[in-house]
Amino acid sequence: MRLTLELSDRDLNFFRQALGKARKAVRHADEADIVEAIDDVLSEIKEADPLPDFVARRIPQLETMIQMLKDDEWRLPKDERERLLSTFVYFGDPEDIVPDHIPVIGYLDDVIIIELVVLEMHHVREAYDDFCEFRYSYDQRFSTGHDAAVRSDRIDRKRQQLQQRMTRRLQKDRKSSGTSVLW
């Protein structure tokens, strides 16, 4: 069964407000604590029985977003870091718009947030995927005996190039739509 939701501006405003509260919390919290907490929440969710399929299908997306934050070589820019951390604070809150303890639908609002963030940050994800592919390919070609400083320089240049592309595309999207969906 396929269920499609159409969110009005009023509907989106609920999510904007919730993420706004989470964003304020992020400014006063330790990033490592947020990431550790979201890792714990994910572990709990994965152990839930039964875990609704509509939640399970979004777990890999959430894990990729977490990996983007943890990846020291990627160095996700500050604004995007803050957006992801806000998403994690919201996702990790069991008493968000729809409390998580409500069977089947408790994670519905969390899934909507994940979908909105994934949509909003698709250029960030594309750039990160391209970065990971470049790094993997580079490391495969030069697996032994290659100068670490040269590797670091090449990886850093590629990261900068991809993040510049990402920023241009994000700005273009926001300019064409007049604003972002969530932020």
C-alpha atoms as a PDB file:
ATOM      1  CA  MET A   1       0.000   0.000   0.000  1.00  0.00           C
ATOM      2  CA  ARG A   2       1.305   3.415  -0.882  1.00  0.00           C
ATOM      3  CA  LEU A   3       0.299   6.419   1.178  1.00  0.00           C
ATOM      4  CA  THR A   4       1.029   9.898  -0.089  1.00  0.00           C
ATOM      5  CA  LEU A   5       0.883  12.948   2.141  1.00  0.00           C
ATOM      6  CA  GLU A   6       0.464  16.475   0.943  1.00  0.00           C
ATOM      7  CA  LEU A   7       1.792  18.965   3.452  1.00  0.00           C
ATOM      8  CA  SER A   8       0.439  22.490   3.387  1.00  0.00           C
ATOM      9  CA  ASP A   9       2.452  25.495   4.513  1.00  0.00           C
ATOM     10  CA  ARG A  10       0.551  25.289   7.794  1.00  0.00           C
ATOM     11  CA  ASP A  11       1.567  21.621   8.175  1.00  0.00           C
ATOM     12  CA  LEU A  12       5.181  22.423   7.375  1.00  0.00           C
ATOM     13  CA  ASN A  13       5.086  25.190   9.948  1.00  0.00           C
ATOM     14  CA  PHE A  14       4.593  22.580  12.710  1.00  0.00           C
ATOM     15  CA  PHE A  15       7.783  20.884  11.595  1.00  0.00           C
ATOM     16  CA  ARG A  16       9.642  24.195  11.211  1.00  0.00           C
ATOM     17  CA  GLN A  17       8.701  25.171  14.755  1.00  0.00           C
ATOM     18  CA  ALA A  18       9.736  21.790  16.139  1.00  0.00           C
ATOM     19  CA  LEU A  19      13.063  21.947  14.301  1.00  0.00           C
ATOM     20  CA  GLY A  20      13.486  25.544  15.465  1.00  0.00           C
ATOM     21  CA  LYS A  21      13.253  24.369  19.082  1.00  0.00           C
ATOM     22  CA  ALA A  22      15.694  21.571  18.336  1.00  0.00           C
ATOM     23  CA  ARG A  23      18.048  24.050  16.665  1.00  0.00           C
ATOM     24  CA  LYS A  24      18.091  26.225  19.789  1.00  0.00           C
ATOM     25  CA  ALA A  25      18.928  23.138  21.854  1.00  0.00           C
ATOM     26  CA  VAL A  26      21.789  22.270  19.479  1.00  0.00           C
ATOM     27  CA  ARG A  27      23.451  25.622  20.082  1.00  0.00           C
ATOM     28  CA  HIS A  28      23.804  24.798  23.771  1.00  0.00           C
ATOM     29  CA  ALA A  29      24.607  21.108  23.484  1.00  0.00           C
ATOM     30  CA  ASP A  30      27.747  19.142  22.835  1.00  0.00           C
ATOM     31  CA  GLU A  31      27.844  17.653  19.322  1.00  0.00           C
ATOM     32  CA  ALA A  32      29.391  14.408  20.546  1.00  0.00           C
ATOM     33  CA  ASP A  33      26.571  13.997  23.089  1.00  0.00           C
ATOM     34  CA  ILE A  34      23.929  14.477  20.371  1.00  0.00           C
ATOM     35  CA  VAL A  35      25.598  11.958  18.068  1.00  0.00           C
ATOM     36  CA  GLU A  36      25.972   9.446  20.906  1.00  0.00           C
ATOM     37  CA  ALA A  37      22.310   9.927  21.841  1.00  0.00           C
ATOM     38  CA  ILE A  38      21.094   9.433  18.268  1.00  0.00           C
ATOM     39  CA  ASP A  39      23.243   6.295  17.978  1.00  0.00           C
ATOM     40  CA  ASP A  40      21.556   4.996  21.150  1.00  0.00           C
ATOM     41  CA  VAL A  41      18.082   5.867  19.833  1.00  0.00           C
ATOM     42  CA  LEU A  42      18.833   4.090  16.560  1.00  0.00           C
ATOM     43  CA  SER A  43      19.963   0.992  18.424  1.00  0.00           C
ATOM     44  CA  GLU A  44      16.733   0.989  20.439  1.00  0.00           C
ATOM     45  CA  ILE A  45      14.630   1.495  17.313  1.00  0.00           C
ATOM     46  CA  LYS A  46      16.363  -1.339  15.471  1.00  0.00           C
ATOM     47  CA  GLU A  47      15.608  -3.662  18.384  1.00  0.00           C
ATOM     48  CA  ALA A  48      11.904  -2.705  18.415  1.00  0.00           C
ATOM     49  CA  ASP A  49       9.617  -5.575  17.573  1.00  0.00           C
ATOM     50  CA  PRO A  50       7.919  -5.176  15.257  1.00  0.00           C
ATOM     51  CA  LEU A  51       9.618  -2.220  13.635  1.00  0.00           C
ATOM     52  CA  PRO A  52       7.302  -0.706  11.028  1.00  0.00           C
ATOM     53  CA  ASP A  53       8.745  -1.048   7.511  1.00  0.00           C
ATOM     54  CA  PHE A  54       8.205   2.654   6.809  1.00  0.00           C
ATOM     55  CA  VAL A  55      10.607   3.366   9.676  1.00  0.00           C
ATOM     56  CA  ALA A  56      13.100   0.614   8.808  1.00  0.00           C
ATOM     57  CA  ARG A  57      13.479   1.926   5.249  1.00  0.00           C
ATOM     58  CA  ARG A  58      14.625   5.317   6.579  1.00  0.00           C
ATOM     59  CA  ILE A  59      17.255   3.993   8.985  1.00  0.00           C
ATOM     60  CA  PRO A  60      19.995   3.840   6.295  1.00  0.00           C
ATOM     61  CA  GLN A  61      19.303   7.474   5.381  1.00  0.00           C
ATOM     62  CA  LEU A  62      19.652   8.476   9.009  1.00  0.00           C
ATOM     63  CA  GLU A  63      22.843   6.435   9.354  1.00  0.00           C
ATOM     64  CA  THR A  64      24.353   8.185   6.323  1.00  0.00           C
ATOM     65  CA  MET A  65      23.537  11.570   7.836  1.00  0.00           C
ATOM     66  CA  ILE A  66      25.256  10.504  11.059  1.00  0.00           C
ATOM     67  CA  GLN A  67      28.277   9.297   9.078  1.00  0.00           C
ATOM     68  CA  MET A  68      28.539  12.697   7.358  1.00  0.00           C
ATOM     69  CA  LEU A  69      28.915  14.296  10.784  1.00  0.00           C
ATOM     70  CA  LYS A  70      31.436  11.760  12.046  1.00  0.00           C
ATOM     71  CA  ASP A  71      33.630  11.794   8.924  1.00  0.00           C
ATOM     72  CA  ASP A  72      36.678  13.879   9.891  1.00  0.00           C
ATOM     73  CA  GLU A  73      37.876  14.157   6.298  1.00  0.00           C
ATOM     74  CA  TRP A  74      34.508  15.415   5.022  1.00  0.00           C
ATOM     75  CA  ARG A  75      34.265  18.292   7.503  1.00  0.00           C
ATOM     76  CA  LEU A  76      30.621  19.107   6.895  1.00  0.00           C
ATOM     77  CA  PRO A  77      30.120  22.912   6.884  1.00  0.00           C
ATOM     78  CA  LYS A  78      28.693  24.535  10.018  1.00  0.00           C
ATOM     79  CA  ASP A  79      25.188  25.319   8.691  1.00  0.00           C
ATOM     80  CA  GLU A  80      24.637  21.791   7.411  1.00  0.00           C
ATOM     81  CA  ARG A  81      26.070  20.315  10.627  1.00  0.00           C
ATOM     82  CA  GLU A  82      23.627  22.372  12.646  1.00  0.00           C
ATOM     83  CA  ARG A  83      20.717  21.267  10.459  1.00  0.00           C
ATOM     84  CA  LEU A  84      21.595  17.603  10.853  1.00  0.00           C
ATOM     85  CA  LEU A  85      22.144  17.944  14.593  1.00  0.00           C
ATOM     86  CA  SER A  86      18.741  19.643  14.901  1.00  0.00           C
ATOM     87  CA  THR A  87      17.189  16.746  13.014  1.00  0.00           C
ATOM     88  CA  PHE A  88      18.842  14.282  15.402  1.00  0.00           C
ATOM     89  CA  VAL A  89      17.658  16.201  18.474  1.00  0.00           C
ATOM     90  CA  TYR A  90      14.110  16.136  17.096  1.00  0.00           C
ATOM     91  CA  PHE A  91      14.304  12.486  16.067  1.00  0.00           C
ATOM     92  CA  GLY A  92      15.701  11.497  19.446  1.00  0.00           C
ATOM     93  CA  ASP A  93      12.940  13.258  21.388  1.00  0.00           C
ATOM     94  CA  PRO A  94      10.375  10.605  22.379  1.00  0.00           C
ATOM     95  CA  GLU A  95       7.767  13.302  23.090  1.00  0.00           C
ATOM     96  CA  ASP A  96       7.873  15.141  19.760  1.00  0.00           C
ATOM     97  CA  ILE A  97       4.783  15.999  17.682  1.00  0.00           C
ATOM     98  CA  VAL A  98       3.560  12.369  17.788  1.00  0.00           C
ATOM     99  CA  PRO A  99       4.971  10.601  20.876  1.00  0.00           C
ATOM    100  CA  ASP A 100       7.145   7.654  19.844  1.00  0.00           C
ATOM    101  CA  HIS A 101       5.507   5.193  22.268  1.00  0.00           C
ATOM    102  CA  ILE A 102       2.242   5.183  20.274  1.00  0.00           C
ATOM    103  CA  PRO A 103       2.258   1.892  18.352  1.00  0.00           C
ATOM    104  CA  VAL A 104       2.787   2.068  14.572  1.00  0.00           C
ATOM    105  CA  ILE A 105       2.285   5.845  14.185  1.00  0.00           C
ATOM    106  CA  GLY A 106       4.653   7.016  16.927  1.00  0.00           C
ATOM    107  CA  TYR A 107       7.467   7.396  14.426  1.00  0.00           C
ATOM    108  CA  LEU A 108       5.348   8.916  11.656  1.00  0.00           C
ATOM    109  CA  ASP A 109       6.389  12.500  12.385  1.00  0.00           C
ATOM    110  CA  ASP A 110      10.025  11.378  12.668  1.00  0.00           C
ATOM    111  CA  VAL A 111       9.800   9.720   9.253  1.00  0.00           C
ATOM    112  CA  ILE A 112       8.273  12.885   7.780  1.00  0.00           C
ATOM    113  CA  ILE A 113      11.131  14.943   9.232  1.00  0.00           C
ATOM    114  CA  ILE A 114      13.700  12.517   7.814  1.00  0.00           C
ATOM    115  CA  GLU A 115      12.065  12.671   4.376  1.00  0.00           C
ATOM    116  CA  LEU A 116      11.962  16.477   4.457  1.00  0.00           C
ATOM    117  CA  VAL A 117      15.592  16.723   5.568  1.00  0.00           C
ATOM    118  CA  VAL A 118      16.722  14.180   2.957  1.00  0.00           C
ATOM    119  CA  LEU A 119      14.863  16.169   0.297  1.00  0.00           C
ATOM    120  CA  GLU A 120      16.241  19.462   1.562  1.00  0.00           C
ATOM    121  CA  MET A 121      19.815  18.180   1.775  1.00  0.00           C
ATOM    122  CA  HIS A 122      20.011  16.026  -1.348  1.00  0.00           C
ATOM    123  CA  HIS A 123      22.879  18.137  -2.729  1.00  0.00           C
ATOM    124  CA  VAL A 124      24.777  17.604   0.521  1.00  0.00           C
ATOM    125  CA  ARG A 125      24.224  13.855   0.269  1.00  0.00           C
ATOM    126  CA  GLU A 126      25.268  13.798  -3.417  1.00  0.00           C
ATOM    127  CA  ALA A 127      28.467  15.658  -2.617  1.00  0.00           C
ATOM    128  CA  TYR A 128      29.210  13.339   0.303  1.00  0.00           C
ATOM    129  CA  ASP A 129      28.582  10.236  -1.797  1.00  0.00           C
ATOM    130  CA  ASP A 130      30.910  11.596  -4.509  1.00  0.00           C
ATOM    131  CA  PHE A 131      33.520  12.382  -1.853  1.00  0.00           C
ATOM    132  CA  CYS A 132      33.350   8.858  -0.412  1.00  0.00           C
ATOM    133  CA  GLU A 133      33.612   7.366  -3.889  1.00  0.00           C
ATOM    134  CA  PHE A 134      36.643   9.546  -4.718  1.00  0.00           C
ATOM    135  CA  ARG A 135      38.350   8.704  -1.424  1.00  0.00           C
ATOM    136  CA  TYR A 136      37.704   4.981  -1.811  1.00  0.00           C
ATOM    137  CA  SER A 137      38.953   5.009  -5.411  1.00  0.00           C
ATOM    138  CA  TYR A 138      42.023   7.024  -4.436  1.00  0.00           C
ATOM    139  CA  ASP A 139      42.854   4.685  -1.570  1.00  0.00           C
ATOM    140  CA  GLN A 140      42.436   1.639  -3.844  1.00  0.00           C
ATOM    141  CA  ARG A 141      44.804   3.073  -6.466  1.00  0.00           C
ATOM    142  CA  PHE A 142      47.438   4.104  -3.956  1.00  0.00           C
ATOM    143  CA  SER A 143      46.987   1.505  -1.226  1.00  0.00           C
ATOM    144  CA  THR A 144      50.662   1.182  -0.325  1.00  0.00           C
ATOM    145  CA  GLY A 145      53.701   3.371  -0.332  1.00  0.00           C
ATOM    146  CA  HIS A 146      51.890   6.633  -1.091  1.00  0.00           C
ATOM    147  CA  ASP A 147      52.820   9.834   0.710  1.00  0.00           C
ATOM    148  CA  ALA A 148      50.216  10.629   3.404  1.00  0.00           C
ATOM    149  CA  ALA A 149      50.662  14.380   2.866  1.00  0.00           C
ATOM    150  CA  VAL A 150      49.897  14.028  -0.848  1.00  0.00           C
ATOM    151  CA  ARG A 151      46.824  11.932  -0.041  1.00  0.00           C
ATOM    152  CA  SER A 152      45.635  14.469   2.505  1.00  0.00           C
ATOM    153  CA  ASP A 153      46.111  17.316   0.005  1.00  0.00           C
ATOM    154  CA  ARG A 154      44.229  15.524  -2.786  1.00  0.00           C
ATOM    155  CA  ILE A 155      41.387  14.472  -0.496  1.00  0.00           C
ATOM    156  CA  ASP A 156      41.138  18.008   0.886  1.00  0.00           C
ATOM    157  CA  ARG A 157      41.046  19.586  -2.578  1.00  0.00           C
ATOM    158  CA  LYS A 158      38.310  17.192  -3.679  1.00  0.00           C
ATOM    159  CA  ARG A 159      36.324  17.924  -0.517  1.00  0.00           C
ATOM    160  CA  GLN A 160      36.568  21.658  -1.146  1.00  0.00           C
ATOM    161  CA  GLN A 161      35.526  21.252  -4.757  1.00  0.00           C
ATOM    162  CA  LEU A 162      32.517  19.110  -3.855  1.00  0.00           C
ATOM    163  CA  GLN A 163      31.444  21.382  -1.014  1.00  0.00           C
ATOM    164  CA  GLN A 164      31.612  24.406  -3.314  1.00  0.00           C
ATOM    165  CA  ARG A 165      29.417  22.557  -5.813  1.00  0.00           C
ATOM    166  CA  MET A 166      27.058  21.608  -2.999  1.00  0.00           C
ATOM    167  CA  THR A 167      26.805  25.214  -1.804  1.00  0.00           C
ATOM    168  CA  ARG A 168      26.132  26.533  -5.319  1.00  0.00           C
ATOM    169  CA  ARG A 169      23.365  24.008  -5.844  1.00  0.00           C
ATOM    170  CA  LEU A 170      21.786  24.690  -2.449  1.00  0.00           C
ATOM    171  CA  GLN A 171      21.828  28.422  -3.147  1.00  0.00           C
ATOM    172  CA  LYS A 172      20.342  27.911  -6.594  1.00  0.00           C
ATOM    173  CA  ASP A 173      17.519  25.779  -5.161  1.00  0.00           C
ATOM    174  CA  ARG A 174      16.752  28.324  -2.448  1.00  0.00           C
ATOM    175  CA  LYS A 175      16.864  31.183  -4.923  1.00  0.00           C
ATOM    176  CA  SER A 176      14.487  29.469  -7.361  1.00  0.00           C
ATOM    177  CA  SER A 177      11.983  28.497  -4.657  1.00  0.00           C
ATOM    178  CA  GLY A 178      12.362  31.678  -2.613  1.00  0.00           C
ATOM    179  CA  THR A 179      13.131  29.733   0.570  1.00  0.00           C
ATOM    180  CA  SER A 180      13.896  26.311   1.881  1.00  0.00           C
ATOM    181  CA  VAL A 181      11.196  23.893   2.960  1.00  0.00           C
ATOM    182  CA  LEU A 182      12.385  23.597   6.569  1.00  0.00           C
ATOM    183  CA  TRP A 183      14.964  26.208   7.406  1.00  0.00           C
END
